[in-house]
Amino acid sequence: MVTLNDYLYSGATVFRILKKYTQDLRASAKVSKNEVDLVHCNFLIQIMELLEHNDFLTAQSQKIREFYKYMAMEYPYLSFTFKGRIKSLIRAEGKFNGYIVEYIYDYYKKHKSYPDIAELKEKLNCFRDLIAYRIVISMPRCHLKNHENREEEELKHLYQIANVLPQFLEERGFTAESTGGVLRSSSPLLDDAVKPYYRDYITSEKEDDYKSLHITFYDNSARCYVEMQLRTKQMDDIAEIGSANHINYEKKQEASRARRDTIPEGECIYFDEAYERCRRLQELELSGVDVDMFTAVSNSLMNDGCGLYRGRLILPYEHLSRFQNDLID
């Protein structure tokens, strides 16, 4: 079985690793007639194309920047940041194989049989967040009036921004994607016209206190999907360094994928291989990895300059309120 782990000790760049891994995986899939691995190859090619032909990211980020400029004009008293990232290789690989494990497990648990290959392949076409942007807002206390509640004011502004974002980007070549009713918002602050496009993790709270608004767009120029996340600073802190941080998220994912004893080994090759790839990634000691532009002291302390683990930042913008230095009364 071909796994990503086998390619992480060569000192090569992420792009070279992707290219070699994809070539070997495709060759193996053709020999074994593994249709899921062929879908896997196409997924890896998407990531490769982002790294190899990234001129469109400049054009795309400039369009996103127009919304940044709009917010700076419309909300001069807000502090906010815009960030963009390409999903890292290790996280993308883990998520792809995790989908396979979870879908087959859930299907088997319900039906005591395995899903049709066509159903599984359809499930694997749902990736929409290889490119993601995040808008994080904060209301400086000095701009609160008449004992206004900071959290309420930030939430009100967050939904105001969410209401105008879809039309703003659609006028610039993006198409908002319907969620099909998944996590539909119940907030009265979100307009009915845009509710079909948002997954609302604020009114539909998760157990780990994760809160955010998510919306997916199709960039008609770049021909790719883009996810946008909208949060307050408090929500972002919980997601990044609080109870919903990615380390805790990964641990929960590991627990949810530890289902080897439920699916008899050898009965479903797609489950077996995806489970093994997930297991090997979970046991990866990053300090031993040799990938160009990546250095790790441990699994927690690392300098990821290549998009291997944490992802590559592609759009750092920050607006700290026009009034922050008392330049304007």
Protein backbone atom coordinates (compact mmCIF):
# COMPACT_ATOMS: atom_id res chain seq x y z
CA MET A 1 0.00 0.00 0.00
CA VAL A 2 1.25 3.47 -0.92
CA THR A 3 1.11 6.04 1.91
CA LEU A 4 2.16 9.67 2.23
CA ASN A 5 4.43 8.87 5.18
CA ASP A 6 6.86 7.04 2.89
CA TYR A 7 7.68 10.30 1.07
CA LEU A 8 8.28 12.65 4.00
CA TYR A 9 11.96 11.88 4.64
CA SER A 10 13.60 12.74 1.32
CA GLY A 11 14.36 16.42 1.87
CA ALA A 12 12.22 17.26 -1.16
CA THR A 13 9.73 20.10 -1.53
CA VAL A 14 6.04 19.56 -0.84
CA PHE A 15 5.33 19.83 -4.56
CA ARG A 16 7.86 17.12 -5.47
CA ILE A 17 6.51 14.87 -2.73
CA LEU A 18 2.97 15.36 -4.01
CA LYS A 19 4.00 14.61 -7.58
CA LYS A 20 5.85 11.40 -6.69
CA TYR A 21 3.15 10.23 -4.26
CA THR A 22 0.41 10.82 -6.83
CA GLN A 23 2.32 9.00 -9.59
CA ASP A 24 2.98 5.95 -7.43
CA LEU A 25 -0.55 5.91 -6.02
CA ARG A 26 -2.04 6.05 -9.53
CA ALA A 27 0.20 3.23 -10.76
CA SER A 28 -0.77 1.08 -7.77
CA ALA A 29 -4.47 1.90 -8.22
CA LYS A 30 -4.41 0.82 -11.86
CA VAL A 31 -2.82 -2.50 -10.97
CA SER A 32 -5.25 -3.19 -8.10
CA LYS A 33 -8.21 -1.54 -9.91
CA ASN A 34 -8.83 0.58 -6.82
CA GLU A 35 -11.33 3.26 -7.88
CA VAL A 36 -11.12 5.13 -4.59
CA ASP A 37 -7.37 5.56 -4.94
CA LEU A 38 -7.95 7.07 -8.39
CA VAL A 39 -10.29 9.61 -6.78
CA HIS A 40 -7.58 10.13 -4.18
CA CYS A 41 -5.10 10.93 -6.98
CA ASN A 42 -7.43 13.53 -8.44
CA PHE A 43 -7.73 15.09 -4.98
CA LEU A 44 -3.94 15.31 -4.67
CA ILE A 45 -3.72 16.85 -8.14
CA GLN A 46 -6.02 19.64 -6.98
CA ILE A 47 -3.56 20.48 -4.21
CA MET A 48 -0.65 20.29 -6.66
CA GLU A 49 -2.34 22.71 -9.01
CA LEU A 50 -2.76 25.20 -6.18
CA LEU A 51 0.97 25.06 -5.52
CA GLU A 52 2.12 24.99 -9.14
CA HIS A 53 -0.28 27.44 -10.79
CA ASN A 54 -0.90 29.95 -8.01
CA ASP A 55 -1.21 33.10 -10.15
CA PHE A 56 -4.98 32.90 -9.76
CA LEU A 57 -4.56 33.25 -5.98
CA THR A 58 -3.26 36.78 -6.52
CA ALA A 59 -6.34 37.69 -8.56
CA GLN A 60 -8.62 35.93 -6.12
CA SER A 61 -7.12 37.57 -3.05
CA GLN A 62 -7.40 40.97 -4.71
CA LYS A 63 -11.15 40.41 -5.07
CA ILE A 64 -11.34 39.40 -1.43
CA ARG A 65 -9.34 42.50 -0.61
CA GLU A 66 -12.10 44.62 -2.13
CA PHE A 67 -14.40 43.38 0.62
CA TYR A 68 -11.69 44.28 3.14
CA LYS A 69 -11.68 47.83 1.76
CA TYR A 70 -15.49 47.89 1.90
CA MET A 71 -15.41 46.92 5.58
CA ALA A 72 -12.76 49.52 6.37
CA MET A 73 -15.04 52.19 4.90
CA GLU A 74 -18.30 50.83 6.33
CA TYR A 75 -17.01 49.91 9.81
CA PRO A 76 -14.08 52.25 10.59
CA TYR A 77 -14.58 51.69 14.33
CA LEU A 78 -14.16 47.90 14.08
CA SER A 79 -10.91 46.01 14.39
CA PHE A 80 -10.68 43.07 12.02
CA THR A 81 -8.31 40.72 10.24
CA PHE A 82 -8.51 38.92 6.91
CA LYS A 83 -6.49 35.73 6.52
CA GLY A 84 -6.29 33.12 3.79
CA ARG A 85 -4.66 29.72 3.64
CA ILE A 86 -4.19 26.72 1.39
CA LYS A 87 -5.00 23.56 3.34
CA SER A 88 -1.81 21.83 4.41
CA LEU A 89 -0.85 18.51 2.86
CA ILE A 90 -0.95 16.43 6.04
CA ARG A 91 -4.34 17.82 7.11
CA ALA A 92 -5.77 17.37 3.61
CA GLU A 93 -4.53 13.78 3.45
CA GLY A 94 -5.91 13.03 6.90
CA LYS A 95 -9.28 14.56 6.09
CA PHE A 96 -9.65 12.67 2.80
CA ASN A 97 -8.93 9.29 4.39
CA GLY A 98 -10.91 10.21 7.50
CA TYR A 99 -13.98 10.76 5.34
CA ILE A 100 -13.61 7.24 3.94
CA VAL A 101 -13.25 5.68 7.40
CA GLU A 102 -16.15 7.58 8.92
CA TYR A 103 -18.53 7.11 5.99
CA ILE A 104 -17.94 3.37 5.68
CA TYR A 105 -18.17 2.91 9.46
CA ASP A 106 -21.43 4.84 9.76
CA TYR A 107 -22.91 3.02 6.76
CA TYR A 108 -21.87 -0.40 8.12
CA LYS A 109 -23.21 0.40 11.57
CA LYS A 110 -26.59 1.30 10.10
CA HIS A 111 -26.94 -1.30 7.33
CA LYS A 112 -24.54 -4.10 8.35
CA SER A 113 -23.16 -3.94 4.82
CA TYR A 114 -20.77 -1.76 2.86
CA PRO A 115 -21.67 1.21 0.64
CA ASP A 116 -21.65 0.96 -3.11
CA ILE A 117 -18.46 2.29 -4.68
CA ALA A 118 -20.44 4.97 -6.53
CA GLU A 119 -21.86 6.26 -3.21
CA LEU A 120 -18.41 6.38 -1.66
CA LYS A 121 -16.93 8.24 -4.63
CA GLU A 122 -19.78 10.76 -4.46
CA LYS A 123 -19.04 11.34 -0.78
CA LEU A 124 -15.41 12.11 -1.62
CA ASN A 125 -16.39 14.88 -4.02
CA CYS A 126 -17.54 17.13 -1.17
CA PHE A 127 -14.23 18.90 -0.47
CA ARG A 128 -14.75 22.64 -0.62
CA ASP A 129 -12.11 24.04 1.77
CA LEU A 130 -8.73 23.50 0.12
CA ILE A 131 -8.67 27.30 -0.06
CA ALA A 132 -10.19 29.13 2.90
CA TYR A 133 -10.39 32.72 4.05
CA ARG A 134 -11.27 33.97 7.50
CA ILE A 135 -12.68 37.28 8.68
CA VAL A 136 -12.27 37.96 12.40
CA ILE A 137 -13.83 41.06 13.95
CA SER A 138 -13.57 42.80 17.29
CA MET A 139 -15.27 45.86 18.75
CA PRO A 140 -12.78 47.97 20.75
CA ARG A 141 -14.22 48.78 24.15
CA CYS A 142 -13.55 52.48 23.63
CA HIS A 143 -16.17 52.53 20.85
CA LEU A 144 -18.97 51.02 22.91
CA LYS A 145 -21.68 53.53 23.80
CA ASN A 146 -24.15 53.77 26.67
CA HIS A 147 -22.97 50.58 28.33
CA GLU A 148 -23.48 48.51 25.18
CA ASN A 149 -22.75 44.80 25.53
CA ARG A 150 -19.58 44.06 23.59
CA GLU A 151 -20.47 40.49 22.69
CA GLU A 152 -23.92 41.50 21.46
CA GLU A 153 -22.52 44.34 19.37
CA GLU A 154 -19.89 42.11 17.79
CA LEU A 155 -22.49 39.45 16.99
CA LYS A 156 -24.78 42.05 15.42
CA HIS A 157 -21.94 43.31 13.22
CA LEU A 158 -20.86 39.78 12.31
CA TYR A 159 -24.31 38.97 10.92
CA GLN A 160 -24.48 42.34 9.15
CA ILE A 161 -21.26 41.48 7.36
CA ALA A 162 -22.58 37.99 6.60
CA ASN A 163 -25.70 39.49 5.03
CA VAL A 164 -23.78 41.56 2.45
CA LEU A 165 -20.89 39.19 1.68
CA PRO A 166 -22.67 36.82 -0.78
CA GLN A 167 -23.93 39.54 -3.13
CA PHE A 168 -20.66 41.48 -2.88
CA LEU A 169 -18.61 38.49 -4.06
CA GLU A 170 -21.18 37.33 -6.61
CA GLU A 171 -20.77 40.71 -8.32
CA ARG A 172 -17.06 39.86 -8.61
CA GLY A 173 -17.32 36.43 -10.17
CA PHE A 174 -18.12 34.14 -7.25
CA THR A 175 -21.20 31.95 -6.83
CA ALA A 176 -22.49 31.16 -3.33
CA GLU A 177 -23.14 27.43 -2.80
CA SER A 178 -26.24 26.18 -1.02
CA THR A 179 -25.64 24.06 2.09
CA GLY A 180 -28.71 21.94 1.38
CA GLY A 181 -30.11 22.78 4.79
CA VAL A 182 -27.04 21.66 6.75
CA LEU A 183 -26.75 23.70 9.97
CA ARG A 184 -29.26 26.24 8.68
CA SER A 185 -29.22 29.39 10.79
CA SER A 186 -32.04 30.21 13.17
CA SER A 187 -30.68 33.66 13.96
CA PRO A 188 -33.06 36.59 13.32
CA LEU A 189 -29.94 38.65 12.55
CA LEU A 190 -29.27 36.70 9.34
CA ASP A 191 -31.42 37.64 6.33
CA ASP A 192 -33.65 34.89 4.94
CA ALA A 193 -32.17 35.48 1.47
CA VAL A 194 -28.71 34.34 2.58
CA LYS A 195 -29.63 31.67 5.15
CA PRO A 196 -29.48 28.84 2.56
CA TYR A 197 -25.77 29.58 2.02
CA TYR A 198 -24.47 29.65 5.60
CA ARG A 199 -23.60 26.83 7.95
CA ASP A 200 -24.24 28.49 11.29
CA TYR A 201 -22.09 27.08 14.08
CA ILE A 202 -23.25 29.93 16.33
CA THR A 203 -26.93 29.06 16.62
CA SER A 204 -26.01 25.36 16.23
CA GLU A 205 -23.32 25.12 18.88
CA LYS A 206 -20.93 22.16 18.97
CA GLU A 207 -19.92 20.35 22.14
CA ASP A 208 -16.46 21.95 22.11
CA ASP A 209 -17.91 25.51 22.01
CA TYR A 210 -16.77 26.06 18.43
CA LYS A 211 -18.62 29.03 16.90
CA SER A 212 -18.34 30.42 13.39
CA LEU A 213 -20.27 31.18 10.23
CA HIS A 214 -19.16 29.20 7.17
CA ILE A 215 -20.05 29.87 3.55
CA THR A 216 -18.71 28.29 0.37
CA PHE A 217 -18.24 30.06 -2.95
CA TYR A 218 -17.30 28.81 -6.38
CA ASP A 219 -14.74 31.10 -8.01
CA ASN A 220 -15.86 31.11 -11.65
CA SER A 221 -12.56 32.59 -12.85
CA ALA A 222 -10.26 30.20 -11.02
CA ARG A 223 -12.75 27.31 -11.29
CA CYS A 224 -12.32 26.23 -7.71
CA TYR A 225 -14.21 26.30 -4.43
CA VAL A 226 -13.41 28.73 -1.62
CA GLU A 227 -14.63 28.60 1.96
CA MET A 228 -15.16 31.79 3.97
CA GLN A 229 -15.32 31.75 7.78
CA LEU A 230 -16.66 34.68 9.82
CA ARG A 231 -15.91 34.95 13.54
CA THR A 232 -15.58 37.36 16.40
CA LYS A 233 -12.21 37.53 18.16
CA GLN A 234 -13.62 35.56 21.09
CA MET A 235 -14.85 32.82 18.73
CA ASP A 236 -11.47 32.76 17.00
CA ASP A 237 -9.63 32.44 20.31
CA ILE A 238 -11.79 29.46 21.29
CA ALA A 239 -11.11 27.84 17.91
CA GLU A 240 -7.37 28.54 17.90
CA ILE A 241 -6.21 28.34 21.51
CA GLY A 242 -9.32 27.38 23.47
CA SER A 243 -11.50 24.31 23.91
CA ALA A 244 -12.08 23.93 20.14
CA ASN A 245 -8.44 24.28 19.07
CA HIS A 246 -7.16 22.03 16.32
CA ILE A 247 -5.08 19.81 18.61
CA ASN A 248 -8.21 18.87 20.56
CA TYR A 249 -10.10 18.54 17.28
CA GLU A 250 -7.47 16.13 15.95
CA LYS A 251 -7.64 14.07 19.14
CA LYS A 252 -11.40 13.75 18.76
CA GLN A 253 -10.92 12.78 15.13
CA GLU A 254 -8.45 10.12 16.17
CA ALA A 255 -10.96 8.71 18.66
CA SER A 256 -13.76 8.75 16.10
CA ARG A 257 -11.58 6.90 13.61
CA ALA A 258 -10.48 4.23 16.05
CA ARG A 259 -13.05 1.75 14.79
CA ARG A 260 -10.87 -1.05 13.60
CA ASP A 261 -12.54 -3.70 15.72
CA THR A 262 -16.00 -2.83 14.32
CA ILE A 263 -15.11 -3.46 10.66
CA PRO A 264 -13.55 -6.92 10.22
CA GLU A 265 -10.14 -6.55 8.62
CA GLY A 266 -10.02 -7.78 5.04
CA GLU A 267 -13.73 -7.29 4.28
CA CYS A 268 -13.47 -3.78 2.85
CA ILE A 269 -10.17 -2.80 1.22
CA TYR A 270 -11.20 0.87 1.02
CA PHE A 271 -11.75 1.04 4.79
CA ASP A 272 -8.58 -0.94 5.54
CA GLU A 273 -6.30 1.29 3.48
CA ALA A 274 -7.86 4.59 4.60
CA TYR A 275 -7.74 3.50 8.23
CA GLU A 276 -4.07 2.55 7.92
CA ARG A 277 -3.18 5.87 6.26
CA CYS A 278 -4.95 7.76 9.06
CA ARG A 279 -3.20 5.69 11.72
CA ARG A 280 0.23 6.33 10.23
CA LEU A 281 -0.39 10.06 9.98
CA GLN A 282 -1.53 10.16 13.61
CA GLU A 283 1.68 8.43 14.70
CA LEU A 284 3.90 10.67 12.58
CA GLU A 285 6.75 12.23 14.59
CA LEU A 286 7.17 15.60 12.91
CA SER A 287 10.66 16.21 14.30
CA GLY A 288 11.90 13.36 12.11
CA VAL A 289 10.30 14.67 8.91
CA ASP A 290 12.69 16.00 6.26
CA VAL A 291 10.79 18.28 3.91
CA ASP A 292 12.35 21.44 2.50
CA MET A 293 11.30 24.63 4.38
CA PHE A 294 9.89 22.59 7.27
CA THR A 295 11.53 22.33 10.69
CA ALA A 296 9.98 20.77 13.77
CA VAL A 297 11.32 20.49 17.30
CA SER A 298 8.29 18.45 18.30
CA ASN A 299 4.70 17.85 17.22
CA SER A 300 3.78 21.14 18.89
CA LEU A 301 6.74 23.40 18.04
CA MET A 302 7.33 23.76 14.34
CA ASN A 303 8.19 26.26 11.65
CA ASP A 304 6.05 25.29 8.68
CA GLY A 305 7.13 27.43 5.77
CA CYS A 306 5.97 25.03 3.08
CA GLY A 307 2.32 24.24 3.78
CA LEU A 308 3.05 20.73 5.00
CA TYR A 309 1.26 20.84 8.33
CA ARG A 310 -0.35 24.14 9.33
CA GLY A 311 -1.01 25.50 5.89
CA ARG A 312 0.31 28.40 3.83
CA LEU A 313 -0.90 31.92 4.57
CA ILE A 314 -1.94 33.62 1.34
CA LEU A 315 -3.82 36.72 2.46
CA PRO A 316 -2.72 38.58 5.61
CA TYR A 317 -4.67 41.81 6.05
CA GLU A 318 -5.39 43.61 9.28
CA HIS A 319 -7.46 46.69 10.09
CA LEU A 320 -7.11 47.82 13.70
CA SER A 321 -9.80 50.51 13.65
CA ARG A 322 -9.31 53.91 12.08
CA PHE A 323 -9.54 55.45 15.54
CA GLN A 324 -7.09 53.23 17.38
CA ASN A 325 -4.43 55.93 17.74
CA ASP A 326 -6.92 58.75 18.30
CA LEU A 327 -6.04 60.21 14.89
CA ILE A 328 -9.68 61.11 14.35
CA ASP A 329 -12.04 62.34 17.06
